[in-house]
């Protein structure tokens, strides 16, 4: 195993770290979304919460 092989393996390892962090972040966001969804079901809240701009647009339509 030459010097270049070791450098290549280190480089690939450094590439895998951000990819792994990205996957872990996506899984964490998905798990958090599922928990929030289940908590809303238990509390009897509406299933879908509108974003601020959607709520504003809907309020403007109701006023007109």
N, C-alpha and C. Protein backbone atom coordinates (compact mmCIF):
# COMPACT_ATOMS: atom_id res chain seq x y z
N UNK A 1 0.85 -1.17 0.00
CA UNK A 1 0.00 0.00 0.00
C UNK A 1 0.90 1.23 0.00
N UNK A 2 0.79 1.99 -1.04
CA UNK A 2 1.66 3.15 -1.19
C UNK A 2 1.10 4.40 -0.55
N UNK A 3 1.88 5.42 -0.61
CA UNK A 3 1.52 6.71 -0.03
C UNK A 3 0.25 7.26 -0.67
N UNK A 4 0.13 7.10 -1.98
CA UNK A 4 -1.04 7.62 -2.70
C UNK A 4 -2.31 6.90 -2.29
N UNK A 5 -2.21 5.60 -2.01
CA UNK A 5 -3.39 4.85 -1.55
C UNK A 5 -3.87 5.37 -0.20
N UNK A 6 -2.93 5.66 0.68
CA UNK A 6 -3.30 6.17 2.00
C UNK A 6 -3.97 7.54 1.87
N UNK A 7 -3.42 8.39 1.03
CA UNK A 7 -4.00 9.72 0.81
C UNK A 7 -5.40 9.59 0.20
N UNK A 8 -5.56 8.67 -0.74
CA UNK A 8 -6.88 8.46 -1.36
C UNK A 8 -7.90 7.99 -0.33
N UNK A 9 -7.50 7.08 0.55
CA UNK A 9 -8.42 6.60 1.57
C UNK A 9 -8.79 7.71 2.55
N UNK A 10 -7.83 8.54 2.92
CA UNK A 10 -8.13 9.67 3.80
C UNK A 10 -9.09 10.65 3.13
N UNK A 11 -8.86 10.91 1.85
CA UNK A 11 -9.73 11.82 1.11
C UNK A 11 -11.15 11.28 1.04
N UNK A 12 -11.29 9.98 0.74
CA UNK A 12 -12.62 9.37 0.68
C UNK A 12 -13.29 9.40 2.05
N UNK A 13 -12.52 9.17 3.10
CA UNK A 13 -13.07 9.25 4.45
C UNK A 13 -13.59 10.64 4.76
N UNK A 14 -12.84 11.65 4.33
CA UNK A 14 -13.28 13.03 4.56
C UNK A 14 -14.51 13.37 3.73
N UNK A 15 -14.68 12.73 2.59
CA UNK A 15 -15.89 12.94 1.80
C UNK A 15 -17.10 12.27 2.44
N UNK A 16 -16.88 11.14 3.08
CA UNK A 16 -18.00 10.41 3.67
C UNK A 16 -18.56 11.10 4.91
N UNK A 17 -17.74 11.87 5.61
CA UNK A 17 -18.22 12.52 6.83
C UNK A 17 -19.37 13.49 6.54
N UNK A 18 -19.26 14.43 5.59
CA UNK A 18 -20.40 15.32 5.34
C UNK A 18 -21.62 14.58 4.81
N UNK A 19 -21.40 13.56 4.00
CA UNK A 19 -22.53 12.78 3.48
C UNK A 19 -23.26 12.11 4.63
N UNK A 20 -22.51 11.52 5.56
CA UNK A 20 -23.12 10.88 6.73
C UNK A 20 -23.86 11.87 7.59
N UNK A 21 -23.28 13.05 7.80
CA UNK A 21 -23.96 14.07 8.60
C UNK A 21 -25.25 14.53 7.92
N UNK A 22 -25.23 14.63 6.61
CA UNK A 22 -26.43 15.02 5.86
C UNK A 22 -27.54 13.98 6.04
N UNK A 23 -27.18 12.70 5.93
CA UNK A 23 -28.17 11.63 6.08
C UNK A 23 -28.73 11.62 7.50
N UNK A 24 -27.86 11.78 8.49
CA UNK A 24 -28.32 11.80 9.89
C UNK A 24 -29.25 12.98 10.12
N UNK A 25 -28.94 14.13 9.53
CA UNK A 25 -29.80 15.31 9.68
C UNK A 25 -31.17 15.06 9.05
N UNK A 26 -31.19 14.46 7.87
CA UNK A 26 -32.48 14.16 7.23
C UNK A 26 -33.30 13.20 8.07
N UNK A 27 -32.66 12.17 8.61
CA UNK A 27 -33.39 11.22 9.45
C UNK A 27 -33.92 11.91 10.70
N UNK A 28 -33.12 12.78 11.30
CA UNK A 28 -33.55 13.48 12.50
C UNK A 28 -34.74 14.38 12.20
N UNK A 29 -34.71 15.08 11.07
CA UNK A 29 -35.84 15.93 10.70
C UNK A 29 -37.09 15.11 10.44
N UNK A 30 -36.93 13.96 9.81
CA UNK A 30 -38.07 13.09 9.54
C UNK A 30 -38.67 12.57 10.83
N UNK A 31 -37.82 12.13 11.75
CA UNK A 31 -38.31 11.63 13.04
C UNK A 31 -39.02 12.74 13.80
N UNK A 32 -38.45 13.95 13.78
CA UNK A 32 -39.06 15.09 14.48
C UNK A 32 -40.41 15.43 13.87
N UNK A 33 -40.53 15.34 12.55
CA UNK A 33 -41.78 15.62 11.87
C UNK A 33 -42.85 14.60 12.26
N UNK A 34 -42.46 13.33 12.34
CA UNK A 34 -43.40 12.28 12.74
C UNK A 34 -43.87 12.51 14.17
N UNK A 35 -42.94 12.86 15.06
CA UNK A 35 -43.32 13.13 16.46
C UNK A 35 -44.28 14.30 16.55
N UNK A 36 -44.00 15.36 15.82
CA UNK A 36 -44.86 16.54 15.84
C UNK A 36 -46.24 16.20 15.31
N UNK A 37 -46.28 15.41 14.25
CA UNK A 37 -47.56 15.01 13.65
C UNK A 37 -48.38 14.20 14.64
N UNK A 38 -47.73 13.25 15.33
CA UNK A 38 -48.44 12.44 16.32
C UNK A 38 -48.91 13.28 17.49
N UNK A 39 -48.11 14.26 17.91
CA UNK A 39 -48.50 15.13 19.02
C UNK A 39 -49.71 15.97 18.63
N UNK A 40 -49.76 16.42 17.38
CA UNK A 40 -50.92 17.20 16.93
C UNK A 40 -52.16 16.33 16.88
N UNK A 41 -52.03 15.07 16.49
CA UNK A 41 -53.18 14.18 16.46
C UNK A 41 -53.74 13.97 17.86
N UNK A 42 -52.85 13.82 18.83
CA UNK A 42 -53.28 13.59 20.21
C UNK A 42 -54.00 14.81 20.76
N UNK A 43 -53.48 16.00 20.48
CA UNK A 43 -54.07 17.22 21.01
C UNK A 43 -55.33 17.64 20.25
N UNK A 44 -55.60 17.02 19.14
CA UNK A 44 -56.77 17.36 18.35
C UNK A 44 -56.57 18.59 17.48
N UNK A 45 -55.34 19.00 17.28
CA UNK A 45 -55.05 20.16 16.44
C UNK A 45 -55.26 19.77 14.97
N UNK A 46 -55.44 20.75 14.12
CA UNK A 46 -55.57 20.42 12.69
C UNK A 46 -54.33 19.71 12.18
N UNK A 47 -54.53 18.86 11.19
CA UNK A 47 -53.45 18.03 10.69
C UNK A 47 -52.37 18.86 9.99
N UNK A 48 -52.73 19.95 9.37
CA UNK A 48 -51.76 20.71 8.59
C UNK A 48 -51.73 22.15 9.08
N UNK A 49 -50.56 22.62 9.42
CA UNK A 49 -50.40 24.00 9.85
C UNK A 49 -49.94 24.81 8.64
N UNK A 50 -50.61 25.93 8.40
CA UNK A 50 -50.25 26.75 7.25
C UNK A 50 -49.03 27.59 7.57
N UNK A 51 -48.23 27.84 6.55
CA UNK A 51 -47.11 28.75 6.70
C UNK A 51 -47.65 30.18 6.79
N UNK A 52 -46.84 31.07 7.30
CA UNK A 52 -47.27 32.45 7.51
C UNK A 52 -47.80 33.11 6.25
N UNK A 53 -47.09 32.95 5.13
CA UNK A 53 -47.54 33.61 3.90
C UNK A 53 -48.83 32.99 3.38
N UNK A 54 -49.03 31.68 3.58
CA UNK A 54 -50.28 31.05 3.16
C UNK A 54 -51.43 31.54 4.01
N UNK A 55 -51.20 31.67 5.31
CA UNK A 55 -52.25 32.16 6.20
C UNK A 55 -52.61 33.60 5.87
N UNK A 56 -51.61 34.42 5.54
CA UNK A 56 -51.87 35.82 5.18
C UNK A 56 -52.69 35.89 3.89
N UNK A 57 -52.32 35.09 2.91
CA UNK A 57 -53.05 35.09 1.64
C UNK A 57 -54.50 34.65 1.86
N UNK A 58 -54.69 33.67 2.71
CA UNK A 58 -56.05 33.18 2.97
C UNK A 58 -56.86 34.25 3.70
N UNK A 59 -56.24 34.94 4.65
CA UNK A 59 -56.93 35.99 5.38
C UNK A 59 -57.32 37.13 4.44
N UNK A 60 -56.44 37.47 3.50
CA UNK A 60 -56.76 38.52 2.54
C UNK A 60 -57.92 38.12 1.65
N UNK A 61 -57.96 36.85 1.26
CA UNK A 61 -59.08 36.39 0.42
C UNK A 61 -60.39 36.45 1.20
N UNK A 62 -60.34 36.14 2.49
CA UNK A 62 -61.56 36.19 3.31
C UNK A 62 -62.04 37.63 3.48
N UNK A 63 -61.11 38.57 3.57
CA UNK A 63 -61.49 39.97 3.74
C UNK A 63 -62.16 40.50 2.48
N UNK A 64 -61.63 40.11 1.32
CA UNK A 64 -62.21 40.58 0.04
C UNK A 64 -63.58 39.97 -0.10
